[in-house]
Amino acid sequence: MNATVRGAARSKMIWLNVALAAFSAIELASANLTTLFGPKVTAGILLAGSLLNVILRALTTQALAEKAP
């Protein structure tokens, strides 16, 4: 594995985006989360995740290759 891929595995932003993508895919595939939480809570979770992504991106100063052990 190269340094960028190893650094990506340690990146909080990458993991947040993976989690948001999975959450969104589950919702798009079967609306079970809307049924479980309601549409406002589901939308709020996705919005909060997106805002957290923006905040993490603004705070990130280190390249992925530099995060590699």
Protein backbone atom coordinates (compact mmCIF):
# COMPACT_ATOMS: atom_id res chain seq x y z
CA MET A 1 0.00 0.00 0.00
CA ASN A 2 1.26 3.47 -0.73
CA ALA A 3 1.45 6.26 1.85
CA THR A 4 -1.70 8.05 0.64
CA VAL A 5 -3.86 4.94 1.02
CA ARG A 6 -2.43 4.21 4.48
CA GLY A 7 -3.04 7.84 5.46
CA ALA A 8 -6.62 7.65 4.17
CA ALA A 9 -7.26 4.68 6.46
CA ARG A 10 -6.33 6.90 9.42
CA SER A 11 -8.27 9.97 8.29
CA LYS A 12 -11.32 10.96 10.36
CA MET A 13 -12.74 12.84 7.38
CA ILE A 14 -12.54 9.77 5.15
CA TRP A 15 -14.29 7.63 7.77
CA LEU A 16 -16.97 10.29 8.30
CA ASN A 17 -17.63 10.36 4.57
CA VAL A 18 -17.81 6.56 4.43
CA ALA A 19 -20.34 6.56 7.28
CA LEU A 20 -22.43 9.32 5.66
CA ALA A 21 -22.39 7.54 2.33
CA ALA A 22 -23.50 4.28 3.96
CA PHE A 23 -26.24 6.05 5.92
CA SER A 24 -27.45 7.80 2.77
CA ALA A 25 -27.35 4.60 0.71
CA ILE A 26 -29.39 2.74 3.30
CA GLU A 27 -31.94 5.54 3.30
CA LEU A 28 -32.14 5.70 -0.48
CA ALA A 29 -32.45 1.94 -0.80
CA SER A 30 -35.22 1.42 1.68
CA ALA A 31 -36.48 4.48 3.61
CA ASN A 32 -36.23 2.41 6.80
CA LEU A 33 -34.36 5.15 8.60
CA THR A 34 -37.09 7.67 7.85
CA THR A 35 -39.63 5.20 9.18
CA LEU A 36 -37.52 4.58 12.28
CA PHE A 37 -36.44 8.14 13.08
CA GLY A 38 -38.87 10.29 11.10
CA PRO A 39 -37.99 12.52 8.17
CA LYS A 40 -36.82 15.51 10.23
CA VAL A 41 -34.41 13.50 12.38
CA THR A 42 -33.03 11.64 9.37
CA ALA A 43 -32.48 14.93 7.52
CA GLY A 44 -30.91 16.41 10.66
CA ILE A 45 -28.46 13.52 10.95
CA LEU A 46 -27.39 13.95 7.33
CA LEU A 47 -27.10 17.73 7.72
CA ALA A 48 -25.07 17.42 10.92
CA GLY A 49 -22.75 14.94 9.24
CA SER A 50 -22.28 17.26 6.28
CA LEU A 51 -21.50 20.21 8.54
CA LEU A 52 -19.05 18.10 10.52
CA ASN A 53 -17.39 17.19 7.24
CA VAL A 54 -16.97 20.88 6.36
CA ILE A 55 -15.56 21.64 9.82
CA LEU A 56 -13.09 18.76 9.65
CA ARG A 57 -11.99 19.86 6.20
CA ALA A 58 -11.38 23.39 7.43
CA LEU A 59 -9.29 22.10 10.35
CA THR A 60 -7.28 19.61 8.30
CA THR A 61 -3.74 20.74 7.64
CA GLN A 62 -1.97 17.43 7.10
CA ALA A 63 -1.86 15.59 3.79
CA LEU A 64 -3.00 11.96 3.69
CA ALA A 65 0.50 10.77 2.80
CA GLU A 66 1.85 12.44 5.96
CA LYS A 67 -0.63 10.53 8.17
CA ALA A 68 0.77 7.15 7.14
CA PRO A 69 2.73 5.36 9.86
